Amino acid sequence: MAWIKVGSRRIYIEEYGKGNAHAVVFFHGGPGAGCGAFVDQARALGEKYHAVLFDQYGAMRSGAIPAKEPFGMVDHVRLIDELRGALGIQSWVVLGHSYGGTLACLYAYTYPERTDAVIYECSSWDLGLSAQSAATFFLPYLREIQSEQGMESCEKILNGDPANTVELHNELRTVLAPLVRHLYMHRKCNWPKSKTRAPFNAARKNAVHCRKIREEGLIYQSFRPYLDEIDRPSLLLAAKYDPVCGALERAYFQRHVPNGTIFEFQDSGHFPHIEEPEAFTKTIVNFLDAQQIR
């Protein structure tokens, strides 16, 4: 574990297999979730690759974003590429989970020469479509527990004005927040433990991190056109019980992504890297071997 200065910003990182030839960097989701949930995979992948984890700027153990500093997704990918340079890495495989997959898409589109391959785990490239997928998935459960607020949010997402879908999805996420691990995971698993605890002010920092991304507004746009332009080898790691990356997103990836491959985990929800860890590692290694990234 370490903190590294990238320009004037303090970024928390963990590295595994540092002497290995090819680097794999993990973009966590949330926004603001931190990289802690990926430590077990980083250790496993570190047997063969230089695995890099980091908390995105303003999230968890990384430095806080000053309230008056404009900072959004475009700034994040620029900072991430500066991090690559600071670590002395020429290019790397980018692996993003959920929102991190959206960020990985933007990074690969912006820096194709620094991207060896892109791996998306249960990712979303269109918040509106992900909201519809989540509403369809969760509505039966919310009816079962008689959550009036949750049912109302789902029904509005499925029947309402697409322009309000993102706001309604945020409402739904608020309802589901206390149950996120229970509902987003198909299997009961122990959550991986990172080397260091989240700081006492993590929640406050994360709130600013998320607000900055919303204020920029790019997150509300569809990233599907970016997918069409990325020519790097690409792997979508989907899951049978994932409420986020639904059938429409998978179908679009299959039709439009050059050099794209889809693998579906049969016993996972939104966190295959935790729910089916050995199969997850093996699938990534097999994919990268096929691309001669060894």
C-alpha atoms as a PDB file:
ATOM      1  CA  MET A   1       0.000   0.000   0.000  1.00  0.00           C
ATOM      2  CA  ALA A   2       1.213   3.516  -0.676  1.00  0.00           C
ATOM      3  CA  TRP A   3       0.159   7.032  -1.455  1.00  0.00           C
ATOM      4  CA  ILE A   4       1.587   8.695  -4.531  1.00  0.00           C
ATOM      5  CA  LYS A   5       1.530  12.337  -5.529  1.00  0.00           C
ATOM      6  CA  VAL A   6       0.202  12.887  -9.057  1.00  0.00           C
ATOM      7  CA  GLY A   7       0.732  16.571  -9.626  1.00  0.00           C
ATOM      8  CA  SER A   8      -0.679  18.140  -6.485  1.00  0.00           C
ATOM      9  CA  ARG A   9      -3.118  15.287  -5.786  1.00  0.00           C
ATOM     10  CA  ARG A  10      -2.594  12.426  -3.342  1.00  0.00           C
ATOM     11  CA  ILE A  11      -3.715   9.035  -4.678  1.00  0.00           C
ATOM     12  CA  TYR A  12      -3.901   5.787  -2.708  1.00  0.00           C
ATOM     13  CA  ILE A  13      -2.517   2.769  -4.603  1.00  0.00           C
ATOM     14  CA  GLU A  14      -1.775  -0.905  -4.060  1.00  0.00           C
ATOM     15  CA  GLU A  15       0.501  -2.887  -6.381  1.00  0.00           C
ATOM     16  CA  TYR A  16       0.907  -6.645  -6.769  1.00  0.00           C
ATOM     17  CA  GLY A  17       3.367  -8.485  -9.021  1.00  0.00           C
ATOM     18  CA  LYS A  18       5.285  -5.300  -9.657  1.00  0.00           C
ATOM     19  CA  GLY A  19       8.101  -7.084 -11.506  1.00  0.00           C
ATOM     20  CA  ASN A  20       5.805  -8.684 -14.076  1.00  0.00           C
ATOM     21  CA  ALA A  21       5.896  -7.469 -17.675  1.00  0.00           C
ATOM     22  CA  HIS A  22       2.267  -6.483 -18.360  1.00  0.00           C
ATOM     23  CA  ALA A  23       0.149  -4.223 -16.165  1.00  0.00           C
ATOM     24  CA  VAL A  24      -3.567  -4.534 -15.344  1.00  0.00           C
ATOM     25  CA  VAL A  25      -5.234  -1.562 -13.648  1.00  0.00           C
ATOM     26  CA  PHE A  26      -8.576  -1.748 -11.861  1.00  0.00           C
ATOM     27  CA  PHE A  27     -11.138   1.082 -12.022  1.00  0.00           C
ATOM     28  CA  HIS A  28     -13.564   0.734  -9.114  1.00  0.00           C
ATOM     29  CA  GLY A  29     -17.243   1.572  -9.333  1.00  0.00           C
ATOM     30  CA  GLY A  30     -19.619   3.545  -7.179  1.00  0.00           C
ATOM     31  CA  PRO A  31     -18.832   6.255  -7.973  1.00  0.00           C
ATOM     32  CA  GLY A  32     -16.671   6.436  -4.872  1.00  0.00           C
ATOM     33  CA  ALA A  33     -16.655   2.772  -3.815  1.00  0.00           C
ATOM     34  CA  GLY A  34     -12.869   2.468  -3.528  1.00  0.00           C
ATOM     35  CA  CYS A  35     -10.646  -0.376  -4.695  1.00  0.00           C
ATOM     36  CA  GLY A  36     -10.816  -2.493  -1.530  1.00  0.00           C
ATOM     37  CA  ALA A  37     -13.245  -5.074  -2.917  1.00  0.00           C
ATOM     38  CA  PHE A  38     -10.747  -6.054  -5.609  1.00  0.00           C
ATOM     39  CA  VAL A  39      -7.733  -6.879  -3.398  1.00  0.00           C
ATOM     40  CA  ASP A  40      -8.161 -10.669  -3.617  1.00  0.00           C
ATOM     41  CA  GLN A  41      -8.317 -10.528  -7.415  1.00  0.00           C
ATOM     42  CA  ALA A  42      -5.277  -8.231  -7.491  1.00  0.00           C
ATOM     43  CA  ARG A  43      -3.304 -10.759  -5.482  1.00  0.00           C
ATOM     44  CA  ALA A  44      -4.359 -13.554  -7.843  1.00  0.00           C
ATOM     45  CA  LEU A  45      -3.693 -11.562 -11.023  1.00  0.00           C
ATOM     46  CA  GLY A  46      -0.424 -10.357  -9.494  1.00  0.00           C
ATOM     47  CA  GLU A  47       0.936 -13.880  -9.905  1.00  0.00           C
ATOM     48  CA  LYS A  48       1.162 -13.186 -13.644  1.00  0.00           C
ATOM     49  CA  TYR A  49       0.690  -9.444 -14.183  1.00  0.00           C
ATOM     50  CA  HIS A  50       1.575  -6.147 -12.524  1.00  0.00           C
ATOM     51  CA  ALA A  51      -1.800  -5.497 -10.875  1.00  0.00           C
ATOM     52  CA  VAL A  52      -2.520  -1.887  -9.900  1.00  0.00           C
ATOM     53  CA  LEU A  53      -5.364  -0.781  -7.624  1.00  0.00           C
ATOM     54  CA  PHE A  54      -6.154   2.800  -6.688  1.00  0.00           C
ATOM     55  CA  ASP A  55      -8.869   4.841  -5.046  1.00  0.00           C
ATOM     56  CA  GLN A  56     -10.063   7.452  -7.501  1.00  0.00           C
ATOM     57  CA  TYR A  57      -9.337  11.051  -6.592  1.00  0.00           C
ATOM     58  CA  GLY A  58     -11.744  12.190  -3.888  1.00  0.00           C
ATOM     59  CA  ALA A  59     -12.765   8.629  -2.976  1.00  0.00           C
ATOM     60  CA  MET A  60     -12.009   6.654   0.184  1.00  0.00           C
ATOM     61  CA  ARG A  61      -8.272   6.864   1.013  1.00  0.00           C
ATOM     62  CA  SER A  62      -7.197   9.209  -1.788  1.00  0.00           C
ATOM     63  CA  GLY A  63      -7.052  12.963  -1.245  1.00  0.00           C
ATOM     64  CA  ALA A  64     -10.257  14.970  -0.994  1.00  0.00           C
ATOM     65  CA  ILE A  65     -11.423  17.149  -3.876  1.00  0.00           C
ATOM     66  CA  PRO A  66     -11.609  20.787  -2.753  1.00  0.00           C
ATOM     67  CA  ALA A  67     -15.175  22.056  -2.839  1.00  0.00           C
ATOM     68  CA  LYS A  68     -14.405  24.755  -5.410  1.00  0.00           C
ATOM     69  CA  GLU A  69     -12.296  22.568  -7.734  1.00  0.00           C
ATOM     70  CA  PRO A  70     -14.130  21.539 -10.933  1.00  0.00           C
ATOM     71  CA  PHE A  71     -13.519  17.836 -11.418  1.00  0.00           C
ATOM     72  CA  GLY A  72     -15.411  15.261 -13.486  1.00  0.00           C
ATOM     73  CA  MET A  73     -14.951  12.100 -15.511  1.00  0.00           C
ATOM     74  CA  VAL A  74     -12.775  13.794 -18.135  1.00  0.00           C
ATOM     75  CA  ASP A  75     -10.479  15.049 -15.385  1.00  0.00           C
ATOM     76  CA  HIS A  76     -10.418  11.590 -13.807  1.00  0.00           C
ATOM     77  CA  VAL A  77      -9.185   9.825 -16.934  1.00  0.00           C
ATOM     78  CA  ARG A  78      -6.552  12.523 -17.441  1.00  0.00           C
ATOM     79  CA  LEU A  79      -5.371  12.047 -13.857  1.00  0.00           C
ATOM     80  CA  ILE A  80      -5.384   8.260 -14.254  1.00  0.00           C
ATOM     81  CA  ASP A  81      -3.136   8.544 -17.275  1.00  0.00           C
ATOM     82  CA  GLU A  82      -0.819  10.817 -15.295  1.00  0.00           C
ATOM     83  CA  LEU A  83      -0.794   8.097 -12.614  1.00  0.00           C
ATOM     84  CA  ARG A  84       0.275   5.575 -15.274  1.00  0.00           C
ATOM     85  CA  GLY A  85       3.182   7.802 -16.211  1.00  0.00           C
ATOM     86  CA  ALA A  86       4.150   8.339 -12.570  1.00  0.00           C
ATOM     87  CA  LEU A  87       4.304   4.554 -12.093  1.00  0.00           C
ATOM     88  CA  GLY A  88       6.569   4.185 -15.149  1.00  0.00           C
ATOM     89  CA  ILE A  89       4.041   2.049 -17.064  1.00  0.00           C
ATOM     90  CA  GLN A  90       4.009   2.432 -20.852  1.00  0.00           C
ATOM     91  CA  SER A  91       0.553   0.906 -21.386  1.00  0.00           C
ATOM     92  CA  TRP A  92      -1.817  -1.307 -19.479  1.00  0.00           C
ATOM     93  CA  VAL A  93      -4.976  -3.415 -19.560  1.00  0.00           C
ATOM     94  CA  VAL A  94      -7.860  -1.425 -18.065  1.00  0.00           C
ATOM     95  CA  LEU A  95     -10.443  -3.355 -16.044  1.00  0.00           C
ATOM     96  CA  GLY A  96     -13.516  -1.516 -14.799  1.00  0.00           C
ATOM     97  CA  HIS A  97     -16.366  -2.691 -12.586  1.00  0.00           C
ATOM     98  CA  SER A  98     -19.847  -1.114 -12.919  1.00  0.00           C
ATOM     99  CA  TYR A  99     -19.347   2.679 -13.097  1.00  0.00           C
ATOM    100  CA  GLY A 100     -15.633   1.898 -13.356  1.00  0.00           C
ATOM    101  CA  GLY A 101     -16.423   0.211 -16.677  1.00  0.00           C
ATOM    102  CA  THR A 102     -17.891   3.486 -17.915  1.00  0.00           C
ATOM    103  CA  LEU A 103     -14.698   5.220 -16.839  1.00  0.00           C
ATOM    104  CA  ALA A 104     -12.593   2.488 -18.509  1.00  0.00           C
ATOM    105  CA  CYS A 105     -14.529   3.050 -21.733  1.00  0.00           C
ATOM    106  CA  LEU A 106     -13.798   6.780 -21.618  1.00  0.00           C
ATOM    107  CA  TYR A 107     -10.123   6.113 -20.821  1.00  0.00           C
ATOM    108  CA  ALA A 108      -9.677   3.647 -23.707  1.00  0.00           C
ATOM    109  CA  TYR A 109     -11.413   6.057 -26.092  1.00  0.00           C
ATOM    110  CA  THR A 110      -9.231   8.955 -24.938  1.00  0.00           C
ATOM    111  CA  TYR A 111      -5.921   7.086 -24.663  1.00  0.00           C
ATOM    112  CA  PRO A 112      -6.010   4.157 -27.129  1.00  0.00           C
ATOM    113  CA  GLU A 113      -2.214   4.124 -27.410  1.00  0.00           C
ATOM    114  CA  ARG A 114      -1.955   3.525 -23.647  1.00  0.00           C
ATOM    115  CA  THR A 115      -4.605   0.783 -23.617  1.00  0.00           C
ATOM    116  CA  ASP A 116      -3.580  -2.818 -24.360  1.00  0.00           C
ATOM    117  CA  ALA A 117      -7.097  -4.197 -23.819  1.00  0.00           C
ATOM    118  CA  VAL A 118     -10.340  -3.281 -22.042  1.00  0.00           C
ATOM    119  CA  ILE A 119     -12.227  -5.523 -19.624  1.00  0.00           C
ATOM    120  CA  TYR A 120     -15.706  -4.471 -18.493  1.00  0.00           C
ATOM    121  CA  GLU A 121     -17.228  -6.203 -15.461  1.00  0.00           C
ATOM    122  CA  CYS A 122     -21.013  -5.787 -15.183  1.00  0.00           C
ATOM    123  CA  SER A 123     -20.645  -2.333 -16.693  1.00  0.00           C
ATOM    124  CA  SER A 124     -23.100   0.280 -17.834  1.00  0.00           C
ATOM    125  CA  TRP A 125     -22.655   2.571 -20.814  1.00  0.00           C
ATOM    126  CA  ASP A 126     -26.100   4.181 -20.555  1.00  0.00           C
ATOM    127  CA  LEU A 127     -27.562   5.058 -17.153  1.00  0.00           C
ATOM    128  CA  GLY A 128     -31.087   5.158 -18.531  1.00  0.00           C
ATOM    129  CA  LEU A 129     -30.881   1.568 -19.771  1.00  0.00           C
ATOM    130  CA  SER A 130     -29.239   0.424 -16.545  1.00  0.00           C
ATOM    131  CA  ALA A 131     -32.025   2.091 -14.573  1.00  0.00           C
ATOM    132  CA  GLN A 132     -34.647   0.176 -16.570  1.00  0.00           C
ATOM    133  CA  SER A 133     -32.733  -3.074 -16.074  1.00  0.00           C
ATOM    134  CA  ALA A 134     -32.443  -2.489 -12.322  1.00  0.00           C
ATOM    135  CA  ALA A 135     -36.115  -1.511 -11.991  1.00  0.00           C
ATOM    136  CA  THR A 136     -37.229  -4.673 -13.798  1.00  0.00           C
ATOM    137  CA  PHE A 137     -34.933  -6.796 -11.640  1.00  0.00           C
ATOM    138  CA  PHE A 138     -35.851  -5.300  -8.261  1.00  0.00           C
ATOM    139  CA  LEU A 139     -39.572  -4.595  -8.658  1.00  0.00           C
ATOM    140  CA  PRO A 140     -40.744  -8.119  -7.649  1.00  0.00           C
ATOM    141  CA  TYR A 141     -38.640  -7.963  -4.472  1.00  0.00           C
ATOM    142  CA  LEU A 142     -39.853  -4.477  -3.591  1.00  0.00           C
ATOM    143  CA  ARG A 143     -43.446  -5.648  -4.037  1.00  0.00           C
ATOM    144  CA  GLU A 144     -42.711  -8.600  -1.771  1.00  0.00           C
ATOM    145  CA  ILE A 145     -41.432  -6.376   1.056  1.00  0.00           C
ATOM    146  CA  GLN A 146     -44.126  -3.765   0.302  1.00  0.00           C
ATOM    147  CA  SER A 147     -41.711  -0.882  -0.184  1.00  0.00           C
ATOM    148  CA  GLU A 148     -44.040   1.834  -1.458  1.00  0.00           C
ATOM    149  CA  GLN A 149     -41.188   4.234  -2.285  1.00  0.00           C
ATOM    150  CA  GLY A 150     -39.211   1.550  -4.071  1.00  0.00           C
ATOM    151  CA  MET A 151     -42.183   0.327  -6.103  1.00  0.00           C
ATOM    152  CA  GLU A 152     -43.101   3.868  -7.065  1.00  0.00           C
ATOM    153  CA  SER A 153     -39.539   4.595  -8.263  1.00  0.00           C
ATOM    154  CA  CYS A 154     -39.415   1.375 -10.309  1.00  0.00           C
ATOM    155  CA  GLU A 155     -42.794   1.938 -11.914  1.00  0.00           C
ATOM    156  CA  LYS A 156     -41.906   5.527 -12.827  1.00  0.00           C
ATOM    157  CA  ILE A 157     -38.637   4.354 -14.410  1.00  0.00           C
ATOM    158  CA  LEU A 158     -40.431   1.714 -16.463  1.00  0.00           C
ATOM    159  CA  ASN A 159     -43.403   3.869 -17.462  1.00  0.00           C
ATOM    160  CA  GLY A 160     -42.256   7.461 -17.179  1.00  0.00           C
ATOM    161  CA  ASP A 161     -40.422  10.156 -19.084  1.00  0.00           C
ATOM    162  CA  PRO A 162     -36.916   9.000 -20.110  1.00  0.00           C
ATOM    163  CA  ALA A 163     -35.624  12.492 -19.283  1.00  0.00           C
ATOM    164  CA  ASN A 164     -36.276  11.813 -15.597  1.00  0.00           C
ATOM    165  CA  THR A 165     -34.913   8.261 -15.586  1.00  0.00           C
ATOM    166  CA  VAL A 166     -31.557   9.144 -14.030  1.00  0.00           C
ATOM    167  CA  GLU A 167     -33.148  11.064 -11.142  1.00  0.00           C
ATOM    168  CA  LEU A 168     -35.554   8.193 -10.541  1.00  0.00           C
ATOM    169  CA  HIS A 169     -32.652   5.724 -10.607  1.00  0.00           C
ATOM    170  CA  ASN A 170     -30.926   7.793  -7.931  1.00  0.00           C
ATOM    171  CA  GLU A 171     -34.103   7.556  -5.842  1.00  0.00           C
ATOM    172  CA  LEU A 172     -34.134   3.785  -6.309  1.00  0.00           C
ATOM    173  CA  ARG A 173     -30.457   3.510  -5.326  1.00  0.00           C
ATOM    174  CA  THR A 174     -31.244   5.426  -2.127  1.00  0.00           C
ATOM    175  CA  VAL A 175     -34.016   2.967  -1.263  1.00  0.00           C
ATOM    176  CA  LEU A 176     -31.763  -0.014  -1.970  1.00  0.00           C
ATOM    177  CA  ALA A 177     -28.582   1.368  -0.369  1.00  0.00           C
ATOM    178  CA  PRO A 178     -28.930  -0.492   2.978  1.00  0.00           C
ATOM    179  CA  LEU A 179     -29.418  -3.770   1.076  1.00  0.00           C
ATOM    180  CA  VAL A 180     -26.900  -3.306  -1.723  1.00  0.00           C
ATOM    181  CA  ARG A 181     -24.698  -6.309  -0.917  1.00  0.00           C
ATOM    182  CA  HIS A 182     -27.698  -8.526  -0.266  1.00  0.00           C
ATOM    183  CA  LEU A 183     -29.559  -7.583  -3.451  1.00  0.00           C
ATOM    184  CA  TYR A 184     -26.674  -7.059  -5.860  1.00  0.00           C
ATOM    185  CA  MET A 185     -24.951 -10.343  -4.977  1.00  0.00           C
ATOM    186  CA  HIS A 186     -26.450 -13.673  -5.979  1.00  0.00           C
ATOM    187  CA  ARG A 187     -24.245 -15.664  -3.607  1.00  0.00           C
ATOM    188  CA  LYS A 188     -23.451 -15.028   0.043  1.00  0.00           C
ATOM    189  CA  CYS A 189     -19.756 -14.188   0.157  1.00  0.00           C
ATOM    190  CA  ASN A 190     -17.297 -12.587   2.505  1.00  0.00           C
ATOM    191  CA  TRP A 191     -16.375  -9.080   1.387  1.00  0.00           C
ATOM    192  CA  PRO A 192     -12.607  -8.818   0.704  1.00  0.00           C
ATOM    193  CA  LYS A 193     -10.558  -6.906   3.251  1.00  0.00           C
ATOM    194  CA  SER A 194      -8.174  -4.223   2.061  1.00  0.00           C
ATOM    195  CA  LYS A 195      -4.816  -3.466   3.657  1.00  0.00           C
ATOM    196  CA  THR A 196      -6.021  -0.206   5.178  1.00  0.00           C
ATOM    197  CA  ARG A 197      -9.322   0.988   6.577  1.00  0.00           C
ATOM    198  CA  ALA A 198     -11.369   3.759   5.057  1.00  0.00           C
ATOM    199  CA  PRO A 199     -10.670   7.085   6.794  1.00  0.00           C
ATOM    200  CA  PHE A 200     -13.174   8.628   9.187  1.00  0.00           C
ATOM    201  CA  ASN A 201     -14.095  11.284   6.610  1.00  0.00           C
ATOM    202  CA  ALA A 202     -14.594   8.862   3.696  1.00  0.00           C
ATOM    203  CA  ALA A 203     -18.360   9.423   3.471  1.00  0.00           C
ATOM    204  CA  ARG A 204     -17.952  13.185   3.283  1.00  0.00           C
ATOM    205  CA  LYS A 205     -15.199  12.919   0.656  1.00  0.00           C
ATOM    206  CA  ASN A 206     -17.222  10.446  -1.404  1.00  0.00           C
ATOM    207  CA  ALA A 207     -20.227  12.773  -1.370  1.00  0.00           C
ATOM    208  CA  VAL A 208     -18.119  15.533  -2.925  1.00  0.00           C
ATOM    209  CA  HIS A 209     -16.613  13.043  -5.404  1.00  0.00           C
ATOM    210  CA  CYS A 210     -20.089  11.995  -6.583  1.00  0.00           C
ATOM    211  CA  ARG A 211     -21.415  15.543  -6.679  1.00  0.00           C
ATOM    212  CA  LYS A 212     -18.541  16.670  -8.887  1.00  0.00           C
ATOM    213  CA  ILE A 213     -19.261  13.874 -11.368  1.00  0.00           C
ATOM    214  CA  ARG A 214     -22.961  14.756 -11.456  1.00  0.00           C
ATOM    215  CA  GLU A 215     -22.210  18.462 -11.916  1.00  0.00           C
ATOM    216  CA  GLU A 216     -19.977  17.730 -14.913  1.00  0.00           C
ATOM    217  CA  GLY A 217     -22.920  15.850 -16.465  1.00  0.00           C
ATOM    218  CA  LEU A 218     -21.020  13.463 -18.733  1.00  0.00           C
ATOM    219  CA  ILE A 219     -22.159  10.477 -16.670  1.00  0.00           C
ATOM    220  CA  TYR A 220     -25.739  11.129 -17.831  1.00  0.00           C
ATOM    221  CA  GLN A 221     -24.812  10.762 -21.504  1.00  0.00           C
ATOM    222  CA  SER A 222     -24.732   7.473 -23.392  1.00  0.00           C
ATOM    223  CA  PHE A 223     -21.239   6.054 -23.853  1.00  0.00           C
ATOM    224  CA  ARG A 224     -22.375   3.675 -26.586  1.00  0.00           C
ATOM    225  CA  PRO A 225     -20.805   5.826 -29.353  1.00  0.00           C
ATOM    226  CA  TYR A 226     -17.461   5.535 -27.543  1.00  0.00           C
ATOM    227  CA  LEU A 227     -17.716   1.746 -27.624  1.00  0.00           C
ATOM    228  CA  ASP A 228     -18.103   1.861 -31.404  1.00  0.00           C
ATOM    229  CA  GLU A 229     -14.775   3.683 -31.740  1.00  0.00           C
ATOM    230  CA  ILE A 230     -12.579   1.589 -29.427  1.00  0.00           C
ATOM    231  CA  ASP A 231     -10.562  -0.915 -31.448  1.00  0.00           C
ATOM    232  CA  ARG A 232      -8.666  -2.473 -28.517  1.00  0.00           C
ATOM    233  CA  PRO A 233      -9.440  -6.122 -27.644  1.00  0.00           C
ATOM    234  CA  SER A 234     -12.467  -5.929 -25.348  1.00  0.00           C
ATOM    235  CA  LEU A 235     -14.048  -8.393 -22.926  1.00  0.00           C
ATOM    236  CA  LEU A 236     -17.440  -7.975 -21.261  1.00  0.00           C
ATOM    237  CA  LEU A 237     -17.725 -10.000 -18.064  1.00  0.00           C
ATOM    238  CA  ALA A 238     -21.471 -10.297 -17.568  1.00  0.00           C
ATOM    239  CA  ALA A 239     -23.417 -12.252 -14.954  1.00  0.00           C
ATOM    240  CA  LYS A 240     -26.701 -14.114 -15.086  1.00  0.00           C
ATOM    241  CA  TYR A 241     -28.153 -12.338 -12.041  1.00  0.00           C
ATOM    242  CA  ASP A 242     -26.658  -8.875 -12.542  1.00  0.00           C
ATOM    243  CA  PRO A 243     -29.289  -6.115 -12.268  1.00  0.00           C
ATOM    244  CA  VAL A 244     -27.102  -3.463 -13.949  1.00  0.00           C
ATOM    245  CA  CYS A 245     -25.721  -4.738 -17.260  1.00  0.00           C
ATOM    246  CA  GLY A 246     -28.920  -5.947 -18.860  1.00  0.00           C
ATOM    247  CA  ALA A 247     -29.833  -7.662 -22.102  1.00  0.00           C
ATOM    248  CA  LEU A 248     -29.901  -4.454 -24.164  1.00  0.00           C
ATOM    249  CA  GLU A 249     -26.392  -3.452 -23.079  1.00  0.00           C
ATOM    250  CA  ARG A 250     -25.030  -6.923 -23.794  1.00  0.00           C
ATOM    251  CA  ALA A 251     -26.687  -7.062 -27.206  1.00  0.00           C
ATOM    252  CA  TYR A 252     -25.270  -3.667 -28.136  1.00  0.00           C
ATOM    253  CA  PHE A 253     -21.775  -4.734 -27.094  1.00  0.00           C
ATOM    254  CA  GLN A 254     -22.069  -7.916 -29.144  1.00  0.00           C
ATOM    255  CA  ARG A 255     -23.171  -6.049 -32.270  1.00  0.00           C
ATOM    256  CA  HIS A 256     -21.002  -2.959 -32.140  1.00  0.00           C
ATOM    257  CA  VAL A 257     -17.710  -3.609 -30.357  1.00  0.00           C
ATOM    258  CA  PRO A 258     -14.807  -4.478 -32.665  1.00  0.00           C
ATOM    259  CA  ASN A 259     -12.697  -7.288 -31.168  1.00  0.00           C
ATOM    260  CA  GLY A 260     -15.376  -7.813 -28.499  1.00  0.00           C
ATOM    261  CA  THR A 261     -15.969 -10.999 -26.468  1.00  0.00           C
ATOM    262  CA  ILE A 262     -18.675 -11.703 -23.872  1.00  0.00           C
ATOM    263  CA  PHE A 263     -18.406 -14.184 -21.011  1.00  0.00           C
ATOM    264  CA  GLU A 264     -21.359 -14.759 -18.662  1.00  0.00           C
ATOM    265  CA  PHE A 265     -20.904 -16.047 -15.114  1.00  0.00           C
ATOM    266  CA  GLN A 266     -23.745 -18.381 -14.203  1.00  0.00           C
ATOM    267  CA  ASP A 267     -23.722 -18.049 -10.408  1.00  0.00           C
ATOM    268  CA  SER A 268     -23.106 -14.322  -9.850  1.00  0.00           C
ATOM    269  CA  GLY A 269     -24.931 -11.050  -9.424  1.00  0.00           C
ATOM    270  CA  HIS A 270     -23.175  -7.707  -9.766  1.00  0.00           C
ATOM    271  CA  PHE A 271     -19.829  -8.818  -8.262  1.00  0.00           C
ATOM    272  CA  PRO A 272     -18.418 -11.852 -10.136  1.00  0.00           C
ATOM    273  CA  HIS A 273     -14.897 -11.008  -8.941  1.00  0.00           C
ATOM    274  CA  ILE A 274     -16.133 -11.781  -5.400  1.00  0.00           C
ATOM    275  CA  GLU A 275     -18.856 -14.360  -6.102  1.00  0.00           C
ATOM    276  CA  GLU A 276     -16.886 -16.592  -8.512  1.00  0.00           C
ATOM    277  CA  PRO A 277     -13.286 -15.518  -7.881  1.00  0.00           C
ATOM    278  CA  GLU A 278     -11.391 -18.472  -9.357  1.00  0.00           C
ATOM    279  CA  ALA A 279     -13.466 -18.475 -12.554  1.00  0.00           C
ATOM    280  CA  PHE A 280     -13.072 -14.700 -12.777  1.00  0.00           C
ATOM    281  CA  THR A 281      -9.277 -14.865 -12.627  1.00  0.00           C
ATOM    282  CA  LYS A 282      -9.139 -17.753 -15.087  1.00  0.00           C
ATOM    283  CA  THR A 283     -11.391 -15.961 -17.589  1.00  0.00           C
ATOM    284  CA  ILE A 284      -9.188 -12.857 -17.561  1.00  0.00           C
ATOM    285  CA  VAL A 285      -5.980 -14.884 -17.917  1.00  0.00           C
ATOM    286  CA  ASN A 286      -7.440 -16.888 -20.808  1.00  0.00           C
ATOM    287  CA  PHE A 287      -8.580 -13.704 -22.558  1.00  0.00           C
ATOM    288  CA  LEU A 288      -5.233 -11.969 -22.167  1.00  0.00           C
ATOM    289  CA  ASP A 289      -3.366 -15.104 -23.231  1.00  0.00           C
ATOM    290  CA  ALA A 290      -5.451 -15.137 -26.399  1.00  0.00           C
ATOM    291  CA  GLN A 291      -4.338 -11.542 -27.040  1.00  0.00           C
ATOM    292  CA  GLN A 292      -0.720 -12.608 -26.378  1.00  0.00           C
ATOM    293  CA  ILE A 293      -0.578 -10.361 -23.323  1.00  0.00           C
ATOM    294  CA  ARG A 294       1.410 -12.669 -21.089  1.00  0.00           C
END
